[in-house]
N, C-alpha and C. Protein backbone atom coordinates (compact mmCIF):
# COMPACT_ATOMS: atom_id res chain seq x y z
N MET A 1 0.82 -1.19 0.00
CA MET A 1 0.00 0.00 0.00
C MET A 1 0.86 1.25 0.00
N THR A 2 2.07 1.16 0.59
CA THR A 2 2.93 2.33 0.62
C THR A 2 3.42 2.71 -0.77
N THR A 3 3.58 1.74 -1.65
CA THR A 3 4.01 2.08 -3.01
C THR A 3 2.92 2.87 -3.72
N ILE A 4 1.65 2.54 -3.46
CA ILE A 4 0.56 3.30 -4.07
C ILE A 4 0.55 4.73 -3.52
N ALA A 5 0.73 4.85 -2.21
CA ALA A 5 0.77 6.19 -1.59
C ALA A 5 1.96 6.98 -2.12
N ASN A 6 3.11 6.31 -2.28
CA ASN A 6 4.28 7.00 -2.81
C ASN A 6 4.04 7.43 -4.25
N ALA A 7 3.36 6.59 -5.03
CA ALA A 7 3.05 6.94 -6.42
C ALA A 7 2.12 8.15 -6.46
N GLU A 8 1.13 8.19 -5.55
CA GLU A 8 0.22 9.34 -5.48
C GLU A 8 0.98 10.61 -5.17
N VAL A 9 1.90 10.54 -4.22
CA VAL A 9 2.68 11.72 -3.84
C VAL A 9 3.53 12.18 -5.02
N LYS A 10 4.13 11.23 -5.72
CA LYS A 10 4.96 11.58 -6.87
C LYS A 10 4.13 12.22 -7.97
N LEU A 11 2.94 11.64 -8.26
CA LEU A 11 2.07 12.22 -9.27
C LEU A 11 1.60 13.61 -8.85
N ASP A 12 1.31 13.80 -7.56
CA ASP A 12 0.91 15.12 -7.08
C ASP A 12 2.03 16.13 -7.24
N GLN A 13 3.29 15.69 -7.06
CA GLN A 13 4.42 16.59 -7.23
C GLN A 13 4.55 17.02 -8.69
N TRP A 14 4.26 16.11 -9.61
CA TRP A 14 4.36 16.42 -11.03
C TRP A 14 3.19 17.27 -11.51
N GLY A 15 2.09 17.25 -10.78
CA GLY A 15 0.95 18.10 -11.12
C GLY A 15 -0.18 17.33 -11.78
N MET A 16 -1.21 18.08 -12.16
CA MET A 16 -2.41 17.49 -12.74
C MET A 16 -2.13 16.83 -14.08
N GLY A 17 -1.14 17.33 -14.82
CA GLY A 17 -0.78 16.74 -16.10
C GLY A 17 -0.38 15.28 -15.97
N ALA A 18 0.30 14.95 -14.88
CA ALA A 18 0.71 13.56 -14.65
C ALA A 18 -0.52 12.66 -14.44
N TRP A 19 -1.50 13.17 -13.70
CA TRP A 19 -2.73 12.38 -13.49
C TRP A 19 -3.47 12.19 -14.81
N ILE A 20 -3.50 13.23 -15.63
CA ILE A 20 -4.19 13.12 -16.91
C ILE A 20 -3.46 12.14 -17.82
N ALA A 21 -2.12 12.20 -17.84
CA ALA A 21 -1.34 11.27 -18.65
C ALA A 21 -1.58 9.82 -18.19
N LEU A 22 -1.60 9.61 -16.89
CA LEU A 22 -1.86 8.27 -16.36
C LEU A 22 -3.26 7.81 -16.75
N MET A 23 -4.22 8.70 -16.71
CA MET A 23 -5.59 8.36 -17.07
C MET A 23 -5.68 7.98 -18.56
N VAL A 24 -5.04 8.78 -19.42
CA VAL A 24 -5.05 8.47 -20.86
C VAL A 24 -4.37 7.13 -21.11
N LEU A 25 -3.24 6.90 -20.46
CA LEU A 25 -2.56 5.62 -20.59
C LEU A 25 -3.46 4.47 -20.12
N GLY A 26 -4.17 4.70 -19.04
CA GLY A 26 -5.11 3.69 -18.56
C GLY A 26 -6.20 3.39 -19.56
N PHE A 27 -6.72 4.41 -20.23
CA PHE A 27 -7.74 4.21 -21.26
C PHE A 27 -7.16 3.44 -22.45
N ILE A 28 -5.90 3.71 -22.79
CA ILE A 28 -5.26 3.01 -23.91
C ILE A 28 -5.06 1.55 -23.58
N VAL A 29 -4.58 1.26 -22.37
CA VAL A 29 -4.31 -0.13 -21.96
C VAL A 29 -5.62 -0.91 -21.87
N TRP A 30 -6.56 -0.42 -21.09
CA TRP A 30 -7.84 -1.10 -20.91
C TRP A 30 -8.80 -0.06 -20.35
N TRP A 31 -9.90 0.22 -21.05
CA TRP A 31 -10.75 1.36 -20.71
C TRP A 31 -11.25 1.36 -19.26
N PRO A 32 -11.53 0.22 -18.61
CA PRO A 32 -11.96 0.30 -17.20
C PRO A 32 -10.87 0.88 -16.27
N VAL A 33 -9.60 0.67 -16.63
CA VAL A 33 -8.52 1.23 -15.81
C VAL A 33 -8.55 2.76 -15.90
N GLY A 34 -8.70 3.27 -17.12
CA GLY A 34 -8.79 4.73 -17.30
C GLY A 34 -9.99 5.31 -16.59
N LEU A 35 -11.11 4.60 -16.67
CA LEU A 35 -12.32 5.06 -15.98
C LEU A 35 -12.14 5.05 -14.47
N ALA A 36 -11.46 4.04 -13.96
CA ALA A 36 -11.21 3.97 -12.51
C ALA A 36 -10.30 5.12 -12.08
N ILE A 37 -9.30 5.44 -12.88
CA ILE A 37 -8.41 6.55 -12.53
C ILE A 37 -9.17 7.87 -12.57
N LEU A 38 -10.03 8.05 -13.58
CA LEU A 38 -10.85 9.25 -13.65
C LEU A 38 -11.74 9.38 -12.42
N ALA A 39 -12.39 8.28 -12.04
CA ALA A 39 -13.26 8.30 -10.85
C ALA A 39 -12.45 8.65 -9.60
N TYR A 40 -11.24 8.10 -9.48
CA TYR A 40 -10.41 8.38 -8.31
C TYR A 40 -9.98 9.84 -8.27
N VAL A 41 -9.61 10.38 -9.43
CA VAL A 41 -9.16 11.78 -9.49
C VAL A 41 -10.30 12.71 -9.07
N ILE A 42 -11.50 12.41 -9.51
CA ILE A 42 -12.65 13.24 -9.13
C ILE A 42 -12.99 13.05 -7.66
N TRP A 43 -13.05 11.79 -7.20
CA TRP A 43 -13.41 11.47 -5.82
C TRP A 43 -12.41 12.05 -4.82
N SER A 44 -11.12 12.02 -5.15
CA SER A 44 -10.10 12.46 -4.20
C SER A 44 -10.00 13.98 -4.09
N GLY A 45 -10.69 14.70 -4.98
CA GLY A 45 -10.64 16.16 -4.91
C GLY A 45 -9.51 16.76 -5.71
N ARG A 46 -8.81 15.93 -6.46
CA ARG A 46 -7.71 16.45 -7.26
C ARG A 46 -8.21 17.26 -8.44
N MET A 47 -9.45 17.06 -8.84
CA MET A 47 -10.05 17.80 -9.94
C MET A 47 -10.69 19.06 -9.35
N ARG A 48 -9.87 19.92 -8.77
CA ARG A 48 -10.35 21.07 -8.01
C ARG A 48 -11.07 22.10 -8.87
N CYS A 49 -10.83 22.11 -10.15
CA CYS A 49 -11.51 23.08 -11.01
C CYS A 49 -13.01 22.80 -11.07
N TRP A 50 -13.45 21.63 -10.64
CA TRP A 50 -14.87 21.29 -10.64
C TRP A 50 -15.56 21.71 -9.37
N ARG A 51 -14.85 22.26 -8.41
CA ARG A 51 -15.43 22.66 -7.13
C ARG A 51 -15.42 24.17 -7.00
N ARG A 52 -16.58 24.76 -6.86
CA ARG A 52 -16.73 26.18 -6.57
C ARG A 52 -15.87 27.08 -7.44
N GLY A 53 -15.58 26.67 -8.65
CA GLY A 53 -14.82 27.51 -9.56
C GLY A 53 -13.36 27.67 -9.19
N GLU A 54 -12.85 26.84 -8.30
CA GLU A 54 -11.45 26.94 -7.93
C GLU A 54 -10.61 26.32 -9.02
N GLY A 55 -9.41 26.76 -9.18
CA GLY A 55 -8.55 26.20 -10.20
C GLY A 55 -7.32 25.54 -9.61
N GLY A 56 -6.88 24.47 -10.25
CA GLY A 56 -5.63 23.82 -9.88
C GLY A 56 -5.68 23.05 -8.59
N HIS A 57 -4.74 22.10 -8.46
CA HIS A 57 -4.65 21.30 -7.24
C HIS A 57 -3.49 21.80 -6.41
N SER A 58 -3.71 21.94 -5.15
CA SER A 58 -2.67 22.38 -4.25
C SER A 58 -2.28 21.25 -3.33
N ARG A 59 -0.98 21.07 -3.13
CA ARG A 59 -0.53 20.02 -2.22
C ARG A 59 -0.72 20.44 -0.77
N HIS A 60 -0.81 21.74 -0.54
CA HIS A 60 -0.99 22.25 0.82
C HIS A 60 -2.44 22.69 0.96
N SER A 61 -3.22 21.90 1.66
CA SER A 61 -4.63 22.24 1.83
C SER A 61 -4.98 22.25 3.30
N MET A 62 -6.01 23.01 3.60
CA MET A 62 -6.56 22.99 4.94
C MET A 62 -8.06 22.99 4.79
N GLN A 63 -8.75 22.48 5.78
CA GLN A 63 -10.20 22.38 5.68
C GLN A 63 -10.83 23.55 6.41
N ASP A 64 -11.72 24.25 5.73
CA ASP A 64 -12.41 25.36 6.36
C ASP A 64 -13.69 24.85 7.00
N PRO A 65 -14.40 25.67 7.77
CA PRO A 65 -15.59 25.21 8.50
C PRO A 65 -16.69 24.63 7.62
N ALA A 66 -16.77 25.03 6.36
CA ALA A 66 -17.84 24.53 5.50
C ALA A 66 -17.53 23.14 4.98
N GLY A 67 -16.34 22.66 5.18
CA GLY A 67 -15.99 21.34 4.71
C GLY A 67 -15.33 21.34 3.36
N TRP A 68 -15.14 22.49 2.73
CA TRP A 68 -14.46 22.57 1.44
C TRP A 68 -12.97 22.71 1.71
N PHE A 69 -12.18 22.19 0.81
CA PHE A 69 -10.74 22.33 0.95
C PHE A 69 -10.28 23.60 0.26
N ARG A 70 -9.49 24.37 0.96
CA ARG A 70 -8.97 25.61 0.41
C ARG A 70 -7.44 25.54 0.51
N PRO A 71 -6.77 26.03 -0.51
CA PRO A 71 -5.32 26.00 -0.45
C PRO A 71 -4.79 26.92 0.65
N SER A 72 -3.75 26.48 1.28
CA SER A 72 -3.13 27.29 2.32
C SER A 72 -2.33 28.41 1.66
N SER A 73 -2.35 29.56 2.29
CA SER A 73 -1.58 30.67 1.75
C SER A 73 -0.12 30.58 2.16
N GLY A 74 0.17 29.71 3.12
CA GLY A 74 1.53 29.62 3.65
C GLY A 74 1.71 30.48 4.88
N ASN A 75 0.79 31.40 5.13
CA ASN A 75 0.84 32.28 6.28
C ASN A 75 -0.22 31.78 7.27
N HIS A 76 0.25 31.19 8.37
CA HIS A 76 -0.68 30.58 9.32
C HIS A 76 -1.61 31.60 9.97
N ALA A 77 -1.11 32.79 10.24
CA ALA A 77 -1.97 33.82 10.85
C ALA A 77 -3.10 34.19 9.90
N PHE A 78 -2.78 34.36 8.62
CA PHE A 78 -3.82 34.69 7.64
C PHE A 78 -4.80 33.54 7.49
N ASP A 79 -4.29 32.30 7.46
CA ASP A 79 -5.17 31.14 7.32
C ASP A 79 -6.15 31.05 8.49
N GLU A 80 -5.68 31.32 9.71
CA GLU A 80 -6.57 31.32 10.87
C GLU A 80 -7.60 32.43 10.77
N TYR A 81 -7.16 33.61 10.35
CA TYR A 81 -8.08 34.75 10.17
C TYR A 81 -9.14 34.40 9.13
N ARG A 82 -8.70 33.83 8.00
CA ARG A 82 -9.64 33.46 6.94
C ARG A 82 -10.63 32.41 7.43
N THR A 83 -10.16 31.41 8.15
CA THR A 83 -11.04 30.37 8.67
C THR A 83 -12.06 30.96 9.63
N GLU A 84 -11.61 31.83 10.54
CA GLU A 84 -12.52 32.45 11.50
C GLU A 84 -13.53 33.36 10.80
N THR A 85 -13.06 34.11 9.80
CA THR A 85 -13.96 35.00 9.05
C THR A 85 -15.01 34.19 8.30
N LEU A 86 -14.60 33.10 7.67
CA LEU A 86 -15.56 32.25 6.95
C LEU A 86 -16.58 31.65 7.92
N ARG A 87 -16.11 31.22 9.10
CA ARG A 87 -17.02 30.65 10.09
C ARG A 87 -18.04 31.71 10.53
N ARG A 88 -17.55 32.93 10.77
CA ARG A 88 -18.43 34.02 11.19
C ARG A 88 -19.44 34.36 10.09
N LEU A 89 -18.98 34.41 8.85
CA LEU A 89 -19.88 34.72 7.74
C LEU A 89 -20.94 33.64 7.56
N GLU A 90 -20.55 32.39 7.74
CA GLU A 90 -21.54 31.30 7.64
C GLU A 90 -22.57 31.41 8.75
N GLU A 91 -22.13 31.78 9.95
CA GLU A 91 -23.06 31.97 11.07
C GLU A 91 -24.02 33.12 10.77
N GLU A 92 -23.50 34.23 10.23
CA GLU A 92 -24.36 35.36 9.88
C GLU A 92 -25.33 34.99 8.77
N GLN A 93 -24.86 34.19 7.82
CA GLN A 93 -25.74 33.74 6.73
C GLN A 93 -26.88 32.88 7.28
N ARG A 94 -26.55 31.98 8.23
CA ARG A 94 -27.58 31.14 8.83
C ARG A 94 -28.59 31.99 9.59
N GLU A 95 -28.11 32.98 10.36
CA GLU A 95 -29.01 33.87 11.09
C GLU A 95 -29.89 34.67 10.14
N PHE A 96 -29.32 35.12 9.02
CA PHE A 96 -30.10 35.89 8.05
C PHE A 96 -31.18 35.03 7.41
N ARG A 97 -30.84 33.78 7.10
CA ARG A 97 -31.86 32.87 6.54
C ARG A 97 -32.99 32.67 7.53
N GLU A 98 -32.66 32.50 8.81
CA GLU A 98 -33.70 32.35 9.83
C GLU A 98 -34.56 33.61 9.91
N PHE A 99 -33.93 34.79 9.84
CA PHE A 99 -34.67 36.05 9.86
C PHE A 99 -35.62 36.13 8.67
N LEU A 100 -35.14 35.77 7.48
CA LEU A 100 -36.00 35.79 6.29
C LEU A 100 -37.17 34.83 6.43
N GLU A 101 -36.92 33.68 7.03
CA GLU A 101 -38.00 32.70 7.24
C GLU A 101 -39.06 33.28 8.18
N ARG A 102 -38.63 33.93 9.27
CA ARG A 102 -39.59 34.56 10.19
C ARG A 102 -40.35 35.68 9.49
N LEU A 103 -39.65 36.45 8.67
CA LEU A 103 -40.28 37.54 7.93
C LEU A 103 -41.33 37.00 6.96
N ARG A 104 -41.01 35.93 6.25
CA ARG A 104 -41.97 35.33 5.32
C ARG A 104 -43.19 34.80 6.08
N PHE A 105 -42.94 34.17 7.22
CA PHE A 105 -44.05 33.64 8.01
C PHE A 105 -44.97 34.78 8.47
N ALA A 106 -44.38 35.89 8.93
CA ALA A 106 -45.18 37.03 9.39
C ALA A 106 -45.98 37.62 8.23
N ARG A 107 -45.35 37.74 7.07
CA ARG A 107 -46.05 38.27 5.90
C ARG A 107 -47.20 37.35 5.50
N ASP A 108 -46.93 36.03 5.46
CA ASP A 108 -47.99 35.08 5.11
C ASP A 108 -49.14 35.14 6.10
N LYS A 109 -48.82 35.24 7.39
CA LYS A 109 -49.86 35.30 8.41
C LYS A 109 -50.69 36.57 8.24
N ASN A 110 -50.03 37.69 7.96
CA ASN A 110 -50.72 38.95 7.76
C ASN A 110 -51.66 38.85 6.55
N GLU A 111 -51.17 38.27 5.44
CA GLU A 111 -52.01 38.12 4.26
C GLU A 111 -53.20 37.21 4.55
N PHE A 112 -52.98 36.14 5.29
CA PHE A 112 -54.07 35.23 5.62
C PHE A 112 -55.10 35.91 6.51
N ASP A 113 -54.63 36.66 7.51
CA ASP A 113 -55.56 37.38 8.39
C ASP A 113 -56.37 38.40 7.60
N GLN A 114 -55.73 39.09 6.66
CA GLN A 114 -56.43 40.06 5.82
C GLN A 114 -57.47 39.35 4.96
N PHE A 115 -57.11 38.20 4.39
CA PHE A 115 -58.05 37.43 3.58
C PHE A 115 -59.27 37.01 4.41
N MET A 116 -59.02 36.54 5.61
CA MET A 116 -60.13 36.09 6.47
C MET A 116 -61.02 37.26 6.85
N ALA A 117 -60.43 38.43 7.11
CA ALA A 117 -61.23 39.61 7.47
C ALA A 117 -62.10 40.03 6.27
N GLU A 118 -61.53 40.02 5.06
CA GLU A 118 -62.31 40.36 3.87
C GLU A 118 -63.41 39.34 3.63
N ARG A 119 -63.12 38.11 3.87
CA ARG A 119 -64.12 37.05 3.68
C ARG A 119 -65.29 37.22 4.65
N ARG A 120 -64.96 37.56 5.90
CA ARG A 120 -66.03 37.78 6.89
C ARG A 120 -66.88 38.98 6.49
N ASN A 121 -66.25 40.03 5.97
CA ASN A 121 -67.00 41.24 5.57
C ASN A 121 -67.88 40.97 4.36
N ARG A 122 -67.45 40.09 3.44
CA ARG A 122 -68.23 39.81 2.23
C ARG A 122 -69.47 38.99 2.53
N THR A 123 -69.40 38.12 3.49
CA THR A 123 -70.53 37.23 3.75
C THR A 123 -71.70 37.95 4.39
N GLY A 124 -71.47 39.12 4.92
CA GLY A 124 -72.57 39.92 5.48
C GLY A 124 -73.13 39.32 6.75
N SER A 125 -74.44 39.03 6.72
CA SER A 125 -75.11 38.56 7.93
C SER A 125 -74.84 37.09 8.21
N THR A 126 -74.43 36.32 7.22
CA THR A 126 -74.16 34.89 7.46
C THR A 126 -72.70 34.69 7.79
N ASN A 127 -72.30 35.33 8.86
CA ASN A 127 -70.90 35.22 9.27
C ASN A 127 -70.62 33.86 9.87
N PRO A 128 -69.62 33.16 9.34
CA PRO A 128 -69.20 31.94 10.01
C PRO A 128 -68.43 32.30 11.28
N PRO A 129 -68.35 31.41 12.19
CA PRO A 129 -67.61 31.74 13.43
C PRO A 129 -66.15 32.06 13.10
N ALA A 130 -65.67 33.08 13.76
CA ALA A 130 -64.29 33.50 13.55
C ALA A 130 -63.34 32.44 14.10
N PRO A 131 -62.21 32.25 13.43
CA PRO A 131 -61.23 31.27 13.97
C PRO A 131 -60.69 31.79 15.29
N PRO A 132 -60.37 30.89 16.19
CA PRO A 132 -59.87 31.33 17.50
C PRO A 132 -58.56 32.09 17.34
N GLN A 133 -58.42 33.17 18.06
CA GLN A 133 -57.20 33.98 18.02
C GLN A 133 -56.17 33.34 18.94
N PRO A 134 -54.92 33.30 18.47
CA PRO A 134 -53.88 32.70 19.31
C PRO A 134 -53.63 33.57 20.54
N GLN A 135 -53.37 32.90 21.64
CA GLN A 135 -53.03 33.59 22.89
C GLN A 135 -51.60 34.06 22.82
N VAL A 136 -51.37 35.32 23.16
CA VAL A 136 -50.01 35.87 23.11
C VAL A 136 -49.42 35.95 24.47
C-alpha cells in the first residue's frame, strides 16, 4: 500500500498533467482502468476546477468550516483569520436565513388574516364563526 501512496505523492508533485497522462494511458491499456483513474481523481478532490470555480490542485490544503478544501496561503496567521472569518460569515448567513423565514411567516400570516377579514365582511349577515385567536 505504501508504493501506491508513494506513487500518489509523486504524481501530485508532477501536477495534474501527470494524473491526466496516467488516465489516458489507462484508457489506452484497458478502458476500465482509465475510468477507474478518472473516478479516483474526481473522488479524491484532485479535480479542483470542478469545485466552486477553484482552479488547480494544491498540495498544501486545509479544511475550512464549511468542509471545502482551500489552499493554504503559507501564512498561518492569515489562514486562521480566513477560517474564523468564513465561520463568522456562515453563522451570519444562517441567522439571516432564519430572519427571512420569520419575515416570510409574518407576511404570510398577515395576508391570511387580511383574507379572512375580507371574507367575513363579504358574507354579510351569514358570518361563520371566527377562527380562534392565538393567545399571546
